[in-house]
Amino acid sequence: MAVLDDTTQIEAYRILTLRQMLKLEIKGIKRSGRSAYAILKDMGYTGTRQQVLDQLDQYREQVLQNT
């Protein structure tokens, strides 16, 4: 098990978790509280849910290449 002790690692994990939540929201699964889409919009992502997911997919590829 890996330990995330760097702030950039923690932020990357958070964004990737929000990506998974957004994928479920697109499929129609709802949750209580703020949606992942709303959280990501506050973080600066723009566009429709699908466009934000595409941006996050690109981010994921960058993270995987750097590890």
PDB file of N, CA and C in Angstrom:
ATOM      1  N   MET A   1       0.846  -1.169   0.000  1.00  0.00           N
ATOM      2  CA  MET A   1       0.000   0.000   0.000  1.00  0.00           C
ATOM      3  C   MET A   1       0.892   1.233   0.000  1.00  0.00           C
ATOM      4  N   ALA A   2       0.577   2.177  -0.860  1.00  0.00           N
ATOM      5  CA  ALA A   2       1.355   3.405  -0.968  1.00  0.00           C
ATOM      6  C   ALA A   2       0.847   4.441   0.024  1.00  0.00           C
ATOM      7  N   VAL A   3       1.747   5.258   0.498  1.00  0.00           N
ATOM      8  CA  VAL A   3       1.399   6.335   1.418  1.00  0.00           C
ATOM      9  C   VAL A   3       1.495   7.647   0.652  1.00  0.00           C
ATOM     10  N   LEU A   4       0.424   8.409   0.674  1.00  0.00           N
ATOM     11  CA  LEU A   4       0.415   9.714   0.027  1.00  0.00           C
ATOM     12  C   LEU A   4       0.776  10.756   1.073  1.00  0.00           C
ATOM     13  N   ASP A   5       1.988  11.258   1.013  1.00  0.00           N
ATOM     14  CA  ASP A   5       2.433  12.210   2.017  1.00  0.00           C
ATOM     15  C   ASP A   5       2.815  13.565   1.434  1.00  0.00           C
ATOM     16  N   ASP A   6       2.698  13.709   0.154  1.00  0.00           N
ATOM     17  CA  ASP A   6       3.007  14.959  -0.520  1.00  0.00           C
ATOM     18  C   ASP A   6       1.691  15.636  -0.918  1.00  0.00           C
ATOM     19  N   THR A   7       1.637  16.951  -0.842  1.00  0.00           N
ATOM     20  CA  THR A   7       0.384  17.651  -1.154  1.00  0.00           C
ATOM     21  C   THR A   7      -0.035  17.450  -2.605  1.00  0.00           C
ATOM     22  N   THR A   8       0.925  17.320  -3.517  1.00  0.00           N
ATOM     23  CA  THR A   8       0.559  17.096  -4.920  1.00  0.00           C
ATOM     24  C   THR A   8      -0.027  15.704  -5.104  1.00  0.00           C
ATOM     25  N   GLN A   9       0.475  14.720  -4.365  1.00  0.00           N
ATOM     26  CA  GLN A   9      -0.079  13.370  -4.439  1.00  0.00           C
ATOM     27  C   GLN A   9      -1.504  13.337  -3.894  1.00  0.00           C
ATOM     28  N   ILE A  10      -1.730  14.034  -2.807  1.00  0.00           N
ATOM     29  CA  ILE A  10      -3.058  14.072  -2.201  1.00  0.00           C
ATOM     30  C   ILE A  10      -4.046  14.752  -3.134  1.00  0.00           C
ATOM     31  N   GLU A  11      -3.630  15.853  -3.752  1.00  0.00           N
ATOM     32  CA  GLU A  11      -4.500  16.574  -4.682  1.00  0.00           C
ATOM     33  C   GLU A  11      -4.816  15.706  -5.903  1.00  0.00           C
ATOM     34  N   ALA A  12      -3.821  14.989  -6.406  1.00  0.00           N
ATOM     35  CA  ALA A  12      -4.041  14.103  -7.550  1.00  0.00           C
ATOM     36  C   ALA A  12      -5.038  13.007  -7.189  1.00  0.00           C
ATOM     37  N   TYR A  13      -4.906  12.441  -5.996  1.00  0.00           N
ATOM     38  CA  TYR A  13      -5.831  11.405  -5.547  1.00  0.00           C
ATOM     39  C   TYR A  13      -7.258  11.966  -5.452  1.00  0.00           C
ATOM     40  N   ARG A  14      -7.377  13.174  -4.931  1.00  0.00           N
ATOM     41  CA  ARG A  14      -8.695  13.809  -4.804  1.00  0.00           C
ATOM     42  C   ARG A  14      -9.332  14.019  -6.176  1.00  0.00           C
ATOM     43  N   ILE A  15      -8.564  14.520  -7.115  1.00  0.00           N
ATOM     44  CA  ILE A  15      -9.094  14.773  -8.452  1.00  0.00           C
ATOM     45  C   ILE A  15      -9.488  13.464  -9.124  1.00  0.00           C
ATOM     46  N   LEU A  16      -8.682  12.423  -8.969  1.00  0.00           N
ATOM     47  CA  LEU A  16      -9.011  11.138  -9.578  1.00  0.00           C
ATOM     48  C   LEU A  16     -10.243  10.510  -8.928  1.00  0.00           C
ATOM     49  N   THR A  17     -10.434  10.743  -7.637  1.00  0.00           N
ATOM     50  CA  THR A  17     -11.644  10.270  -6.964  1.00  0.00           C
ATOM     51  C   THR A  17     -12.872  11.014  -7.486  1.00  0.00           C
ATOM     52  N   LEU A  18     -12.735  12.323  -7.672  1.00  0.00           N
ATOM     53  CA  LEU A  18     -13.835  13.107  -8.238  1.00  0.00           C
ATOM     54  C   LEU A  18     -14.144  12.667  -9.665  1.00  0.00           C
ATOM     55  N   ARG A  19     -13.119  12.239 -10.400  1.00  0.00           N
ATOM     56  CA  ARG A  19     -13.327  11.720 -11.759  1.00  0.00           C
ATOM     57  C   ARG A  19     -14.227  10.490 -11.733  1.00  0.00           C
ATOM     58  N   GLN A  20     -13.938   9.590 -10.801  1.00  0.00           N
ATOM     59  CA  GLN A  20     -14.763   8.386 -10.685  1.00  0.00           C
ATOM     60  C   GLN A  20     -16.198   8.743 -10.282  1.00  0.00           C
ATOM     61  N   MET A  21     -16.339   9.702  -9.376  1.00  0.00           N
ATOM     62  CA  MET A  21     -17.674  10.142  -8.955  1.00  0.00           C
ATOM     63  C   MET A  21     -18.428  10.740 -10.136  1.00  0.00           C
ATOM     64  N   LEU A  22     -17.733  11.533 -10.959  1.00  0.00           N
ATOM     65  CA  LEU A  22     -18.365  12.152 -12.121  1.00  0.00           C
ATOM     66  C   LEU A  22     -18.822  11.097 -13.118  1.00  0.00           C
ATOM     67  N   LYS A  23     -18.020  10.055 -13.314  1.00  0.00           N
ATOM     68  CA  LYS A  23     -18.420   8.974 -14.212  1.00  0.00           C
ATOM     69  C   LYS A  23     -19.731   8.343 -13.753  1.00  0.00           C
ATOM     70  N   LEU A  24     -19.886   8.146 -12.437  1.00  0.00           N
ATOM     71  CA  LEU A  24     -21.122   7.586 -11.908  1.00  0.00           C
ATOM     72  C   LEU A  24     -22.289   8.556 -12.059  1.00  0.00           C
ATOM     73  N   GLU A  25     -22.032   9.846 -11.873  1.00  0.00           N
ATOM     74  CA  GLU A  25     -23.082  10.841 -12.055  1.00  0.00           C
ATOM     75  C   GLU A  25     -23.576  10.856 -13.495  1.00  0.00           C
ATOM     76  N   ILE A  26     -22.671  10.719 -14.437  1.00  0.00           N
ATOM     77  CA  ILE A  26     -23.055  10.696 -15.847  1.00  0.00           C
ATOM     78  C   ILE A  26     -23.943   9.493 -16.131  1.00  0.00           C
ATOM     79  N   LYS A  27     -23.679   8.381 -15.454  1.00  0.00           N
ATOM     80  CA  LYS A  27     -24.501   7.180 -15.635  1.00  0.00           C
ATOM     81  C   LYS A  27     -25.850   7.283 -14.929  1.00  0.00           C
ATOM     82  N   GLY A  28     -26.017   8.295 -14.064  1.00  0.00           N
ATOM     83  CA  GLY A  28     -27.309   8.511 -13.423  1.00  0.00           C
ATOM     84  C   GLY A  28     -27.365   8.232 -11.940  1.00  0.00           C
ATOM     85  N   ILE A  29     -26.255   7.846 -11.352  1.00  0.00           N
ATOM     86  CA  ILE A  29     -26.236   7.557  -9.920  1.00  0.00           C
ATOM     87  C   ILE A  29     -26.095   8.865  -9.158  1.00  0.00           C
ATOM     88  N   LYS A  30     -26.979   9.096  -8.226  1.00  0.00           N
ATOM     89  CA  LYS A  30     -26.998  10.340  -7.467  1.00  0.00           C
ATOM     90  C   LYS A  30     -26.424  10.111  -6.076  1.00  0.00           C
ATOM     91  N   ARG A  31     -26.018  11.215  -5.439  1.00  0.00           N
ATOM     92  CA  ARG A  31     -25.510  11.145  -4.085  1.00  0.00           C
ATOM     93  C   ARG A  31     -26.021  12.348  -3.320  1.00  0.00           C
ATOM     94  N   SER A  32     -25.985  12.251  -2.019  1.00  0.00           N
ATOM     95  CA  SER A  32     -26.403  13.394  -1.219  1.00  0.00           C
ATOM     96  C   SER A  32     -25.240  14.373  -1.130  1.00  0.00           C
ATOM     97  N   GLY A  33     -25.536  15.618  -0.901  1.00  0.00           N
ATOM     98  CA  GLY A  33     -24.480  16.623  -0.849  1.00  0.00           C
ATOM     99  C   GLY A  33     -24.183  17.170  -2.225  1.00  0.00           C
ATOM    100  N   ARG A  34     -23.076  17.871  -2.324  1.00  0.00           N
ATOM    101  CA  ARG A  34     -22.696  18.480  -3.597  1.00  0.00           C
ATOM    102  C   ARG A  34     -22.257  17.422  -4.598  1.00  0.00           C
ATOM    103  N   SER A  35     -22.575  17.674  -5.844  1.00  0.00           N
ATOM    104  CA  SER A  35     -22.171  16.746  -6.894  1.00  0.00           C
ATOM    105  C   SER A  35     -20.690  16.934  -7.205  1.00  0.00           C
ATOM    106  N   ALA A  36     -20.104  15.902  -7.758  1.00  0.00           N
ATOM    107  CA  ALA A  36     -18.706  15.978  -8.163  1.00  0.00           C
ATOM    108  C   ALA A  36     -18.535  17.045  -9.238  1.00  0.00           C
ATOM    109  N   TYR A  37     -19.534  17.173 -10.099  1.00  0.00           N
ATOM    110  CA  TYR A  37     -19.496  18.181 -11.159  1.00  0.00           C
ATOM    111  C   TYR A  37     -19.413  19.582 -10.564  1.00  0.00           C
ATOM    112  N   ALA A  38     -20.205  19.860  -9.538  1.00  0.00           N
ATOM    113  CA  ALA A  38     -20.182  21.176  -8.891  1.00  0.00           C
ATOM    114  C   ALA A  38     -18.831  21.434  -8.223  1.00  0.00           C
ATOM    115  N   ILE A  39     -18.273  20.429  -7.580  1.00  0.00           N
ATOM    116  CA  ILE A  39     -16.972  20.578  -6.931  1.00  0.00           C
ATOM    117  C   ILE A  39     -15.893  20.864  -7.968  1.00  0.00           C
ATOM    118  N   LEU A  40     -15.929  20.125  -9.077  1.00  0.00           N
ATOM    119  CA  LEU A  40     -14.938  20.317 -10.128  1.00  0.00           C
ATOM    120  C   LEU A  40     -15.088  21.681 -10.799  1.00  0.00           C
ATOM    121  N   LYS A  41     -16.318  22.153 -10.953  1.00  0.00           N
ATOM    122  CA  LYS A  41     -16.532  23.488 -11.518  1.00  0.00           C
ATOM    123  C   LYS A  41     -15.905  24.540 -10.617  1.00  0.00           C
ATOM    124  N   ASP A  42     -16.045  24.370  -9.295  1.00  0.00           N
ATOM    125  CA  ASP A  42     -15.430  25.302  -8.349  1.00  0.00           C
ATOM    126  C   ASP A  42     -13.907  25.250  -8.415  1.00  0.00           C
ATOM    127  N   MET A  43     -13.372  24.111  -8.822  1.00  0.00           N
ATOM    128  CA  MET A  43     -11.917  23.957  -8.937  1.00  0.00           C
ATOM    129  C   MET A  43     -11.387  24.552 -10.239  1.00  0.00           C
ATOM    130  N   GLY A  44     -12.281  24.995 -11.122  1.00  0.00           N
ATOM    131  CA  GLY A  44     -11.838  25.666 -12.334  1.00  0.00           C
ATOM    132  C   GLY A  44     -12.092  24.918 -13.628  1.00  0.00           C
ATOM    133  N   TYR A  45     -12.639  23.729 -13.561  1.00  0.00           N
ATOM    134  CA  TYR A  45     -12.944  22.990 -14.785  1.00  0.00           C
ATOM    135  C   TYR A  45     -14.191  23.593 -15.428  1.00  0.00           C
ATOM    136  N   THR A  46     -14.207  23.640 -16.753  1.00  0.00           N
ATOM    137  CA  THR A  46     -15.325  24.240 -17.461  1.00  0.00           C
ATOM    138  C   THR A  46     -15.866  23.276 -18.501  1.00  0.00           C
ATOM    139  N   GLY A  47     -17.120  23.487 -18.868  1.00  0.00           N
ATOM    140  CA  GLY A  47     -17.749  22.682 -19.899  1.00  0.00           C
ATOM    141  C   GLY A  47     -18.846  21.808 -19.332  1.00  0.00           C
ATOM    142  N   THR A  48     -19.356  20.955 -20.191  1.00  0.00           N
ATOM    143  CA  THR A  48     -20.394  20.019 -19.782  1.00  0.00           C
ATOM    144  C   THR A  48     -19.770  18.910 -18.955  1.00  0.00           C
ATOM    145  N   ARG A  49     -20.613  18.052 -18.400  1.00  0.00           N
ATOM    146  CA  ARG A  49     -20.091  16.934 -17.612  1.00  0.00           C
ATOM    147  C   ARG A  49     -19.137  16.074 -18.434  1.00  0.00           C
ATOM    148  N   GLN A  50     -19.509  15.807 -19.681  1.00  0.00           N
ATOM    149  CA  GLN A  50     -18.665  14.969 -20.532  1.00  0.00           C
ATOM    150  C   GLN A  50     -17.352  15.670 -20.861  1.00  0.00           C
ATOM    151  N   GLN A  51     -17.388  16.976 -21.098  1.00  0.00           N
ATOM    152  CA  GLN A  51     -16.169  17.709 -21.396  1.00  0.00           C
ATOM    153  C   GLN A  51     -15.236  17.738 -20.191  1.00  0.00           C
ATOM    154  N   VAL A  52     -15.797  17.888 -18.999  1.00  0.00           N
ATOM    155  CA  VAL A  52     -14.987  17.869 -17.781  1.00  0.00           C
ATOM    156  C   VAL A  52     -14.383  16.483 -17.601  1.00  0.00           C
ATOM    157  N   LEU A  53     -15.152  15.442 -17.863  1.00  0.00           N
ATOM    158  CA  LEU A  53     -14.625  14.078 -17.762  1.00  0.00           C
ATOM    159  C   LEU A  53     -13.482  13.871 -18.744  1.00  0.00           C
ATOM    160  N   ASP A  54     -13.612  14.404 -19.947  1.00  0.00           N
ATOM    161  CA  ASP A  54     -12.524  14.289 -20.929  1.00  0.00           C
ATOM    162  C   ASP A  54     -11.263  14.996 -20.433  1.00  0.00           C
ATOM    163  N   GLN A  55     -11.424  16.163 -19.802  1.00  0.00           N
ATOM    164  CA  GLN A  55     -10.284  16.883 -19.237  1.00  0.00           C
ATOM    165  C   GLN A  55      -9.629  16.056 -18.133  1.00  0.00           C
ATOM    166  N   LEU A  56     -10.455  15.421 -17.314  1.00  0.00           N
ATOM    167  CA  LEU A  56      -9.933  14.606 -16.218  1.00  0.00           C
ATOM    168  C   LEU A  56      -9.244  13.347 -16.743  1.00  0.00           C
ATOM    169  N   ASP A  57      -9.738  12.804 -17.853  1.00  0.00           N
ATOM    170  CA  ASP A  57      -9.073  11.655 -18.465  1.00  0.00           C
ATOM    171  C   ASP A  57      -7.667  12.037 -18.930  1.00  0.00           C
ATOM    172  N   GLN A  58      -7.527  13.233 -19.492  1.00  0.00           N
ATOM    173  CA  GLN A  58      -6.207  13.710 -19.908  1.00  0.00           C
ATOM    174  C   GLN A  58      -5.302  13.897 -18.689  1.00  0.00           C
ATOM    175  N   TYR A  59      -5.864  14.444 -17.613  1.00  0.00           N
ATOM    176  CA  TYR A  59      -5.097  14.628 -16.374  1.00  0.00           C
ATOM    177  C   TYR A  59      -4.638  13.275 -15.837  1.00  0.00           C
ATOM    178  N   ARG A  60      -5.530  12.292 -15.883  1.00  0.00           N
ATOM    179  CA  ARG A  60      -5.201  10.945 -15.397  1.00  0.00           C
ATOM    180  C   ARG A  60      -4.037  10.358 -16.190  1.00  0.00           C
ATOM    181  N   GLU A  61      -4.050  10.546 -17.505  1.00  0.00           N
ATOM    182  CA  GLU A  61      -2.961  10.032 -18.326  1.00  0.00           C
ATOM    183  C   GLU A  61      -1.639  10.690 -17.958  1.00  0.00           C
ATOM    184  N   GLN A  62      -1.669  11.995 -17.653  1.00  0.00           N
ATOM    185  CA  GLN A  62      -0.452  12.690 -17.245  1.00  0.00           C
ATOM    186  C   GLN A  62       0.063  12.142 -15.918  1.00  0.00           C
ATOM    187  N   VAL A  63      -0.851  11.899 -14.979  1.00  0.00           N
ATOM    188  CA  VAL A  63      -0.456  11.373 -13.674  1.00  0.00           C
ATOM    189  C   VAL A  63       0.154   9.982 -13.817  1.00  0.00           C
ATOM    190  N   LEU A  64      -0.447   9.154 -14.642  1.00  0.00           N
ATOM    191  CA  LEU A  64       0.066   7.797 -14.825  1.00  0.00           C
ATOM    192  C   LEU A  64       1.435   7.796 -15.505  1.00  0.00           C
ATOM    193  N   GLN A  65       1.688   8.746 -16.380  1.00  0.00           N
ATOM    194  CA  GLN A  65       2.975   8.821 -17.048  1.00  0.00           C
ATOM    195  C   GLN A  65       4.076   9.277 -16.106  1.00  0.00           C
ATOM    196  N   ASN A  66       3.697  10.082 -15.096  1.00  0.00           N
ATOM    197  CA  ASN A  66       4.687  10.617 -14.166  1.00  0.00           C
ATOM    198  C   ASN A  66       5.019   9.661 -13.026  1.00  0.00           C
ATOM    199  N   THR A  67       4.276   8.578 -12.892  1.00  0.00           N
ATOM    200  CA  THR A  67       4.559   7.644 -11.791  1.00  0.00           C
ATOM    201  C   THR A  67       5.382   6.473 -12.247  1.00  0.00           C
TER     202      THR A  67
END
